């Protein structure tokens, strides 16, 4: 297997988003969970997205795990590696975007790195270095209340400068609209000024195509699925990849019971849970009970077992930002988060043992905990449920053939859970 594109994602739902984007652009894509074992059988593909759970861990650990993934990808022929981050640039002043970028670029010998989380399709745009979520700057969006990485500055040049050892510059929209050569010329100018990374504006879909073509001339880039789309288009247009339609790995139905788990506290997920209550039984977990011990998760699993033979169920630990803040103030941010993730992983394991073979998980941290517990080494990427959320068919899973959907909190429309169940047969 000789890869045309290697990708390292800092969480599992973001990896699914990127893998879905690459697949839609014509690349045969596999998403792995962690750096693959040497004996994991993978099909012939154009791109591999290595999923890490590194967004909110200690920066030194995020760097070490990302470098390991980079080594694996480059050993299999990947000349360009994308470090995939969230489209809302989720991070703190201590990292982890800057430290990982510095390490990967240093290992590759890249003098300057293109950085953009823009993805206009999902209403993430960058103008004059400022990230917008829909019509509002990042620091005025709901991300200002993120329970792990609250974002209080929309200017990504400033944000990244506080994290990186490199000087950070800007490639503005006026340059981007003139295409890849103009972007490349501007990057060389910045490099000559001692700039080691550049935030790149992108407002329209066509901007991603230009950025991808410019990025492909370098060894490392940093961004969300939008730059992945640009890279994929550049590979196809340059003839490095023959565009493939969706493969048929997903044609055979899996069947079995179906269940949903929701751990995200985003406004989108809370709305989706409310809609789900009109079509399936929904259990709202007591967060205090989850932190206190295993009894709350055991109660929820017993509740699900009583109902799941009659149809899908949804179990939610999601709460409003005020409720999350109160819980964190009482128990500590990390302790509360880890306790809830552990409980959701316990529930996923119990549901699989009860016969569930179609599992929908909402929330990046929750998805990471679930997939780790189920020991799933990789996925084949299938049809798209919503923008950035594909159906995933597990490969190498101990439980055998199963379908999953891993949804970032803010993704999907109000009917997401119903839409997912309709595609996961």
Protein backbone atom coordinates (compact mmCIF):
# COMPACT_ATOMS: atom_id res chain seq x y z
CA UNK A 1 0.00 0.00 0.00
CA UNK A 2 1.43 3.38 -1.08
CA UNK A 3 -0.53 6.27 0.35
CA UNK A 4 -1.13 9.48 -1.57
CA UNK A 5 -2.27 11.35 1.53
CA UNK A 6 -1.68 10.78 5.21
CA UNK A 7 -3.80 12.41 7.90
CA UNK A 8 -3.56 12.63 11.68
CA UNK A 9 -6.75 13.67 13.46
CA UNK A 10 -6.82 14.92 17.05
CA UNK A 11 -10.17 13.28 17.84
CA UNK A 12 -12.33 10.47 16.51
CA UNK A 13 -15.35 12.39 15.28
CA UNK A 14 -13.09 14.87 13.49
CA UNK A 15 -11.37 11.93 11.86
CA UNK A 16 -14.73 10.59 10.65
CA UNK A 17 -15.57 14.02 9.28
CA UNK A 18 -12.30 14.15 7.35
CA UNK A 19 -12.54 10.55 6.11
CA UNK A 20 -16.06 11.28 4.88
CA UNK A 21 -14.85 14.41 3.08
CA UNK A 22 -12.00 12.57 1.35
CA UNK A 23 -14.31 9.75 0.30
CA UNK A 24 -16.80 12.19 -1.23
CA UNK A 25 -13.93 13.79 -3.14
CA UNK A 26 -13.07 10.43 -4.73
CA UNK A 27 -10.29 9.06 -2.49
CA UNK A 28 -10.52 5.51 -1.17
CA UNK A 29 -10.17 6.13 2.54
CA UNK A 30 -9.77 4.15 5.75
CA UNK A 31 -9.99 5.61 9.24
CA UNK A 32 -7.89 3.85 11.87
CA UNK A 33 -8.19 4.14 15.62
CA UNK A 34 -4.71 4.95 16.80
CA UNK A 35 -1.59 3.96 14.90
CA UNK A 36 -2.43 0.63 13.22
CA UNK A 37 -0.83 -2.59 14.32
CA UNK A 38 1.54 -4.12 11.78
CA UNK A 39 -0.77 -7.10 11.20
CA UNK A 40 -4.00 -5.12 10.63
CA UNK A 41 -5.25 -6.01 7.16
CA UNK A 42 -6.16 -2.86 5.26
CA UNK A 43 -7.56 -2.69 1.73
CA UNK A 44 -5.78 -0.80 -1.05
CA UNK A 45 -6.60 2.85 -0.39
CA UNK A 46 -5.47 6.34 -1.34
CA UNK A 47 -5.66 7.92 2.12
CA UNK A 48 -5.50 6.83 5.73
CA UNK A 49 -6.81 8.98 8.57
CA UNK A 50 -5.16 7.99 11.83
CA UNK A 51 -7.52 8.91 14.67
CA UNK A 52 -5.95 10.03 17.91
CA UNK A 53 -7.58 11.25 21.08
CA UNK A 54 -5.07 14.03 21.56
CA UNK A 55 -6.97 17.32 21.49
CA UNK A 56 -7.20 17.91 25.23
CA UNK A 57 -4.39 15.80 26.69
CA UNK A 58 -0.97 16.93 27.88
CA UNK A 59 0.81 18.64 24.98
CA UNK A 60 3.91 16.43 25.22
CA UNK A 61 1.75 13.30 24.89
CA UNK A 62 -0.11 14.78 21.92
CA UNK A 63 3.22 15.48 20.23
CA UNK A 64 4.57 11.99 20.88
CA UNK A 65 1.46 10.24 19.58
CA UNK A 66 1.24 12.49 16.52
CA UNK A 67 4.88 11.88 15.64
CA UNK A 68 4.33 8.12 15.90
CA UNK A 69 1.38 8.38 13.50
CA UNK A 70 3.42 10.57 11.14
CA UNK A 71 6.21 7.97 11.05
CA UNK A 72 3.74 5.21 10.20
CA UNK A 73 2.10 7.22 7.42
CA UNK A 74 5.35 8.34 5.80
CA UNK A 75 6.72 4.79 5.92
CA UNK A 76 3.78 3.84 3.70
CA UNK A 77 4.51 6.47 1.09
CA UNK A 78 2.63 9.55 2.28
CA UNK A 79 4.56 12.61 1.07
CA UNK A 80 2.07 15.05 2.56
CA UNK A 81 0.55 14.73 6.03
CA UNK A 82 -2.41 16.81 7.20
CA UNK A 83 -2.74 17.41 10.93
CA UNK A 84 -6.52 17.55 11.21
CA UNK A 85 -7.93 19.80 13.92
CA UNK A 86 -11.42 20.97 14.81
CA UNK A 87 -13.00 23.60 12.57
CA UNK A 88 -13.44 25.75 15.67
CA UNK A 89 -9.72 25.53 16.49
CA UNK A 90 -10.43 23.97 19.89
CA UNK A 91 -7.30 24.44 21.99
CA UNK A 92 -5.83 26.35 24.89
CA UNK A 93 -2.86 28.71 25.05
CA UNK A 94 -0.75 25.69 26.05
CA UNK A 95 -1.70 23.74 22.91
CA UNK A 96 -2.14 21.33 21.47
CA UNK A 97 -2.28 22.64 17.89
CA UNK A 98 0.93 24.67 18.01
CA UNK A 99 3.19 22.06 19.67
CA UNK A 100 2.06 19.28 17.32
CA UNK A 101 2.45 21.53 14.27
CA UNK A 102 5.96 22.51 15.37
CA UNK A 103 6.99 18.87 15.85
CA UNK A 104 5.58 17.55 12.57
CA UNK A 105 6.96 20.44 10.52
CA UNK A 106 10.35 20.11 12.20
CA UNK A 107 10.51 16.38 11.48
CA UNK A 108 9.52 16.97 7.85
CA UNK A 109 11.92 19.88 7.38
CA UNK A 110 9.08 22.18 6.27
CA UNK A 111 10.07 25.84 6.49
CA UNK A 112 6.49 27.13 6.52
CA UNK A 113 3.13 25.48 7.21
CA UNK A 114 -0.32 26.40 5.85
CA UNK A 115 -2.98 26.55 8.57
CA UNK A 116 -6.73 26.99 8.11
CA UNK A 117 -9.75 25.51 9.91
CA UNK A 118 -12.10 26.97 7.30
CA UNK A 119 -14.84 24.77 5.84
CA UNK A 120 -17.53 26.99 4.27
CA UNK A 121 -19.87 24.03 3.78
CA UNK A 122 -20.20 23.81 7.58
CA UNK A 123 -20.25 27.63 7.98
CA UNK A 124 -16.67 27.91 9.23
CA UNK A 125 -14.85 30.72 7.45
CA UNK A 126 -11.64 32.68 8.04
CA UNK A 127 -11.25 36.33 7.06
CA UNK A 128 -8.22 38.49 7.93
CA UNK A 129 -7.15 35.65 10.16
CA UNK A 130 -10.37 35.72 12.19
CA UNK A 131 -12.48 32.57 12.48
CA UNK A 132 -16.23 32.91 12.07
CA UNK A 133 -18.86 30.36 13.08
CA UNK A 134 -21.74 31.24 10.81
CA UNK A 135 -22.12 35.01 10.98
CA UNK A 136 -20.41 35.56 14.34
CA UNK A 137 -16.75 35.58 15.41
CA UNK A 138 -15.56 32.46 17.23
CA UNK A 139 -15.39 34.22 20.60
CA UNK A 140 -19.06 35.26 20.32
CA UNK A 141 -20.28 31.78 19.33
CA UNK A 142 -21.34 28.99 21.73
CA UNK A 143 -17.69 27.82 21.63
CA UNK A 144 -16.91 30.54 24.18
CA UNK A 145 -18.58 28.19 26.69
CA UNK A 146 -16.89 24.96 25.57
CA UNK A 147 -16.43 22.80 28.71
CA UNK A 148 -12.85 21.74 27.84
CA UNK A 149 -11.44 24.35 25.47
CA UNK A 150 -13.42 27.60 25.71
CA UNK A 151 -12.47 29.88 22.82
CA UNK A 152 -12.17 33.54 23.77
CA UNK A 153 -10.19 34.90 20.80
CA UNK A 154 -11.31 34.74 17.15
CA UNK A 155 -7.95 35.90 15.75
CA UNK A 156 -6.08 32.72 14.89
CA UNK A 157 -2.78 34.47 14.28
CA UNK A 158 -2.83 35.53 17.93
CA UNK A 159 -4.16 32.17 19.15
CA UNK A 160 -1.50 30.16 17.32
CA UNK A 161 1.26 32.60 18.28
CA UNK A 162 0.57 31.83 21.93
CA UNK A 163 1.04 28.09 21.27
CA UNK A 164 3.81 27.80 18.71
CA UNK A 165 7.56 28.44 18.78
CA UNK A 166 7.25 29.63 15.16
CA UNK A 167 6.34 33.13 14.09
CA UNK A 168 2.83 33.20 12.63
CA UNK A 169 1.79 35.17 9.55
CA UNK A 170 -1.29 35.60 7.37
CA UNK A 171 -2.18 34.83 3.77
CA UNK A 172 -5.23 37.03 3.24
CA UNK A 173 -8.26 36.49 1.04
CA UNK A 174 -7.06 39.01 -1.54
CA UNK A 175 -4.12 36.68 -2.18
CA UNK A 176 -6.09 33.43 -2.01
CA UNK A 177 -8.55 34.49 -4.73
CA UNK A 178 -5.64 34.73 -7.19
CA UNK A 179 -4.95 31.02 -6.86
CA UNK A 180 -2.26 28.55 -5.81
CA UNK A 181 0.67 30.39 -7.39
CA UNK A 182 -0.20 33.62 -5.58
CA UNK A 183 -0.52 31.70 -2.31
CA UNK A 184 2.85 30.03 -2.90
CA UNK A 185 4.51 33.37 -3.68
CA UNK A 186 3.11 34.90 -0.50
CA UNK A 187 4.33 31.93 1.55
CA UNK A 188 7.84 32.43 0.20
CA UNK A 189 7.68 36.11 1.12
CA UNK A 190 6.64 35.23 4.66
CA UNK A 191 9.33 32.56 4.91
CA UNK A 192 11.91 35.17 3.94
CA UNK A 193 10.68 37.29 6.85
CA UNK A 194 11.25 34.46 9.32
CA UNK A 195 7.61 33.37 9.44
CA UNK A 196 7.22 29.62 10.04
CA UNK A 197 3.44 29.16 9.74
CA UNK A 198 0.66 31.11 8.05
CA UNK A 199 -3.05 31.25 8.78
CA UNK A 200 -4.83 31.25 5.41
CA UNK A 201 -8.14 33.00 4.78
CA UNK A 202 -10.96 31.02 3.16
CA UNK A 203 -14.54 32.20 2.69
CA UNK A 204 -15.77 30.31 -0.38
CA UNK A 205 -15.55 26.70 -1.46
CA UNK A 206 -13.25 27.61 -4.36
CA UNK A 207 -10.74 28.99 -1.86
CA UNK A 208 -10.22 25.46 -0.52
CA UNK A 209 -9.23 24.23 -3.99
CA UNK A 210 -6.54 26.89 -4.30
CA UNK A 211 -5.28 26.30 -0.77
CA UNK A 212 -5.13 22.53 -1.28
CA UNK A 213 -3.07 22.88 -4.44
CA UNK A 214 -0.66 25.23 -2.67
CA UNK A 215 -0.45 23.02 0.43
CA UNK A 216 0.36 19.92 -1.61
CA UNK A 217 3.73 21.46 -2.51
CA UNK A 218 4.66 21.23 1.18
CA UNK A 219 5.04 18.22 3.46
CA UNK A 220 2.73 19.27 6.31
CA UNK A 221 -0.49 21.26 6.63
CA UNK A 222 -2.82 21.98 9.54
CA UNK A 223 -6.55 22.45 9.35
CA UNK A 224 -10.05 21.06 9.38
CA UNK A 225 -11.78 18.94 6.76
CA UNK A 226 -11.96 21.89 4.38
CA UNK A 227 -8.23 21.79 3.65
CA UNK A 228 -8.57 18.01 3.37
CA UNK A 229 -11.10 18.59 0.60
CA UNK A 230 -8.69 20.96 -1.12
CA UNK A 231 -5.85 18.43 -0.88
CA UNK A 232 -8.05 15.67 -2.29
CA UNK A 233 -9.10 17.83 -5.23
CA UNK A 234 -5.48 18.74 -5.91
CA UNK A 235 -4.45 15.07 -5.93
CA UNK A 236 -7.21 14.18 -8.39
CA UNK A 237 -6.60 17.18 -10.65
CA UNK A 238 -2.85 16.48 -10.75
CA UNK A 239 -3.52 12.87 -11.75
CA UNK A 240 -1.94 11.42 -8.61
CA UNK A 241 -5.25 9.74 -7.71
CA UNK A 242 -7.94 8.29 -9.93
CA UNK A 243 -11.26 9.46 -8.51
CA UNK A 244 -13.34 6.63 -7.10
CA UNK A 245 -17.00 6.67 -6.26
CA UNK A 246 -18.24 5.27 -2.97
CA UNK A 247 -17.14 1.67 -2.67
CA UNK A 248 -19.60 -1.11 -2.00
CA UNK A 249 -18.17 -2.33 1.29
CA UNK A 250 -21.36 -1.09 2.94
CA UNK A 251 -23.93 -2.80 0.75
CA UNK A 252 -24.41 -5.89 2.92
CA UNK A 253 -26.77 -5.08 5.80
CA UNK A 254 -25.53 -5.68 9.32
CA UNK A 255 -28.88 -5.86 11.09
CA UNK A 256 -29.02 -6.38 14.83
CA UNK A 257 -30.23 -4.01 17.51
CA UNK A 258 -29.66 -0.25 17.36
CA UNK A 259 -28.89 2.30 20.08
CA UNK A 260 -27.74 5.91 20.49
CA UNK A 261 -25.46 7.52 23.06
CA UNK A 262 -25.15 11.28 23.48
CA UNK A 263 -22.41 12.91 25.54
CA UNK A 264 -22.09 16.24 23.78
CA UNK A 265 -23.43 19.37 25.48
CA UNK A 266 -23.63 21.41 22.27
CA UNK A 267 -26.82 23.23 21.39
CA UNK A 268 -27.15 21.13 18.23
CA UNK A 269 -27.01 17.83 20.12
CA UNK A 270 -29.45 19.05 22.77
CA UNK A 271 -31.93 19.89 19.98
CA UNK A 272 -31.34 16.49 18.36
CA UNK A 273 -32.04 14.72 21.65
CA UNK A 274 -35.30 16.67 22.00
CA UNK A 275 -36.36 15.58 18.51
CA UNK A 276 -35.38 11.96 19.23
CA UNK A 277 -37.80 11.90 22.16
CA UNK A 278 -40.66 11.99 19.64
CA UNK A 279 -39.59 8.72 17.96
CA UNK A 280 -37.79 6.58 20.56
CA UNK A 281 -37.38 6.08 24.30
CA UNK A 282 -34.80 8.53 25.73
CA UNK A 283 -33.14 8.29 29.15
CA UNK A 284 -31.44 11.38 30.59
CA UNK A 285 -28.63 10.36 32.91
CA UNK A 286 -27.96 12.07 36.21
CA UNK A 287 -24.50 13.59 35.87
CA UNK A 288 -23.92 13.66 39.63
CA UNK A 289 -24.74 9.97 39.71
CA UNK A 290 -22.26 9.22 36.92
CA UNK A 291 -19.48 10.98 38.81
CA UNK A 292 -20.42 9.24 42.08
CA UNK A 293 -19.91 5.70 40.77
CA UNK A 294 -21.12 2.91 38.45
CA UNK A 295 -24.69 2.59 39.73
CA UNK A 296 -26.15 5.23 37.39
CA UNK A 297 -24.68 3.53 34.31
CA UNK A 298 -25.91 0.14 35.51
CA UNK A 299 -29.42 1.56 35.95
CA UNK A 300 -29.31 2.97 32.42
CA UNK A 301 -28.15 -0.31 30.93
CA UNK A 302 -30.96 -2.20 32.66
CA UNK A 303 -33.41 0.40 31.31
CA UNK A 304 -32.09 -0.11 27.78
CA UNK A 305 -32.21 -3.91 27.95
CA UNK A 306 -35.89 -3.77 28.86
CA UNK A 307 -36.70 -1.74 25.73
CA UNK A 308 -34.13 -2.35 23.02
CA UNK A 309 -35.74 -5.43 21.47
CA UNK A 310 -38.71 -3.24 20.49
CA UNK A 311 -36.62 -0.59 18.72
CA UNK A 312 -33.78 1.93 19.10
CA UNK A 313 -33.18 3.76 22.38
CA UNK A 314 -31.14 6.84 23.27
CA UNK A 315 -29.17 7.39 26.49
CA UNK A 316 -27.91 10.93 27.07
CA UNK A 317 -25.47 12.43 29.54
CA UNK A 318 -25.75 15.78 27.73
CA UNK A 319 -26.44 18.86 29.84
CA UNK A 320 -26.64 22.62 29.43
CA UNK A 321 -23.45 24.73 29.77
CA UNK A 322 -24.61 26.00 33.19
CA UNK A 323 -25.14 22.47 34.47
CA UNK A 324 -21.73 21.39 33.15
CA UNK A 325 -20.05 24.39 34.80
CA UNK A 326 -21.66 23.58 38.14
CA UNK A 327 -20.55 19.94 37.92
CA UNK A 328 -16.99 20.95 37.03
CA UNK A 329 -16.86 23.49 39.86
CA UNK A 330 -17.86 20.81 42.34
CA UNK A 331 -15.71 17.90 41.13
CA UNK A 332 -13.05 19.47 38.91
CA UNK A 333 -13.09 19.68 35.11
CA UNK A 334 -10.92 16.64 34.39
CA UNK A 335 -12.43 14.40 37.07
CA UNK A 336 -15.99 15.12 35.95
CA UNK A 337 -15.15 14.65 32.28
CA UNK A 338 -13.29 11.38 32.78
CA UNK A 339 -16.05 9.96 34.97
CA UNK A 340 -18.72 10.66 32.37
CA UNK A 341 -16.59 9.31 29.51
CA UNK A 342 -15.93 6.12 31.49
CA UNK A 343 -19.63 5.69 32.18
CA UNK A 344 -20.56 6.16 28.52
CA UNK A 345 -17.91 3.62 27.51
CA UNK A 346 -19.36 1.18 30.06
CA UNK A 347 -22.78 1.69 28.51
CA UNK A 348 -21.48 1.13 24.97
CA UNK A 349 -19.79 -2.10 26.02
CA UNK A 350 -22.94 -3.28 27.76
CA UNK A 351 -25.09 -2.44 24.74
CA UNK A 352 -22.79 -4.35 22.38
CA UNK A 353 -22.87 -7.34 24.73
CA UNK A 354 -26.67 -7.09 24.61
CA UNK A 355 -26.64 -7.47 20.82
CA UNK A 356 -26.41 -3.91 19.51
CA UNK A 357 -24.66 -3.85 16.15
CA UNK A 358 -25.68 -0.36 15.01
CA UNK A 359 -24.44 2.32 17.39
CA UNK A 360 -24.71 6.11 17.04
CA UNK A 361 -22.51 8.25 19.31
CA UNK A 362 -22.75 12.04 19.66
CA UNK A 363 -19.78 13.95 21.05
CA UNK A 364 -16.08 13.86 20.28
CA UNK A 365 -14.82 12.87 23.73
CA UNK A 366 -17.65 10.37 24.14
CA UNK A 367 -16.91 8.81 20.76
CA UNK A 368 -13.25 8.44 21.66
CA UNK A 369 -14.05 6.71 24.93
CA UNK A 370 -16.54 4.37 23.25
CA UNK A 371 -14.33 3.30 20.36
CA UNK A 372 -11.37 2.73 22.68
CA UNK A 373 -13.46 0.51 24.94
CA UNK A 374 -14.84 -1.50 22.01
CA UNK A 375 -11.28 -2.03 20.69
CA UNK A 376 -12.13 -1.19 17.08
CA UNK A 377 -8.90 -0.75 15.10
CA UNK A 378 -10.39 0.85 11.99
CA UNK A 379 -13.34 1.69 9.77
CA UNK A 380 -14.29 1.67 6.13
CA UNK A 381 -16.02 4.93 5.25
CA UNK A 382 -19.52 4.73 3.84
CA UNK A 383 -22.50 6.94 2.97
CA UNK A 384 -22.87 10.39 4.46
CA UNK A 385 -25.57 10.89 7.11
CA UNK A 386 -25.00 14.63 7.48
CA UNK A 387 -22.21 16.96 6.46
CA UNK A 388 -19.08 15.55 8.06
CA UNK A 389 -20.70 12.42 9.50
CA UNK A 390 -20.44 9.15 7.52
CA UNK A 391 -21.64 5.64 8.26
CA UNK A 392 -18.61 3.64 9.42
CA UNK A 393 -18.22 -0.13 9.06
CA UNK A 394 -15.86 -1.55 11.67
CA UNK A 395 -12.90 -3.61 10.54
CA UNK A 396 -11.05 -5.94 12.90
CA UNK A 397 -13.53 -5.42 15.76
CA UNK A 398 -13.71 -8.09 18.46
CA UNK A 399 -17.51 -7.99 18.32
CA UNK A 400 -17.53 -8.66 14.58
CA UNK A 401 -19.36 -6.76 11.85
CA UNK A 402 -21.01 -3.56 13.07
CA UNK A 403 -21.94 -0.06 11.92
CA UNK A 404 -21.20 3.13 13.82
CA UNK A 405 -21.78 6.84 13.41
CA UNK A 406 -19.48 9.16 15.37
CA UNK A 407 -20.85 12.69 15.45
CA UNK A 408 -19.10 15.83 16.58
CA UNK A 409 -21.40 17.74 18.90
CA UNK A 410 -22.25 20.62 16.58
CA UNK A 411 -22.83 18.51 13.46
CA UNK A 412 -26.10 17.35 11.94
CA UNK A 413 -29.63 18.70 11.72
CA UNK A 414 -32.44 18.33 14.27
CA UNK A 415 -33.46 14.91 12.87
CA UNK A 416 -29.92 13.52 12.97
CA UNK A 417 -30.64 10.39 15.00
CA UNK A 418 -33.55 9.40 12.77
CA UNK A 419 -31.50 10.12 9.64
CA UNK A 420 -28.63 7.98 10.93
CA UNK A 421 -30.86 5.04 11.77
CA UNK A 422 -32.40 5.25 8.30
CA UNK A 423 -29.00 4.70 6.65
CA UNK A 424 -27.55 2.17 9.10
CA UNK A 425 -29.20 -1.08 8.04
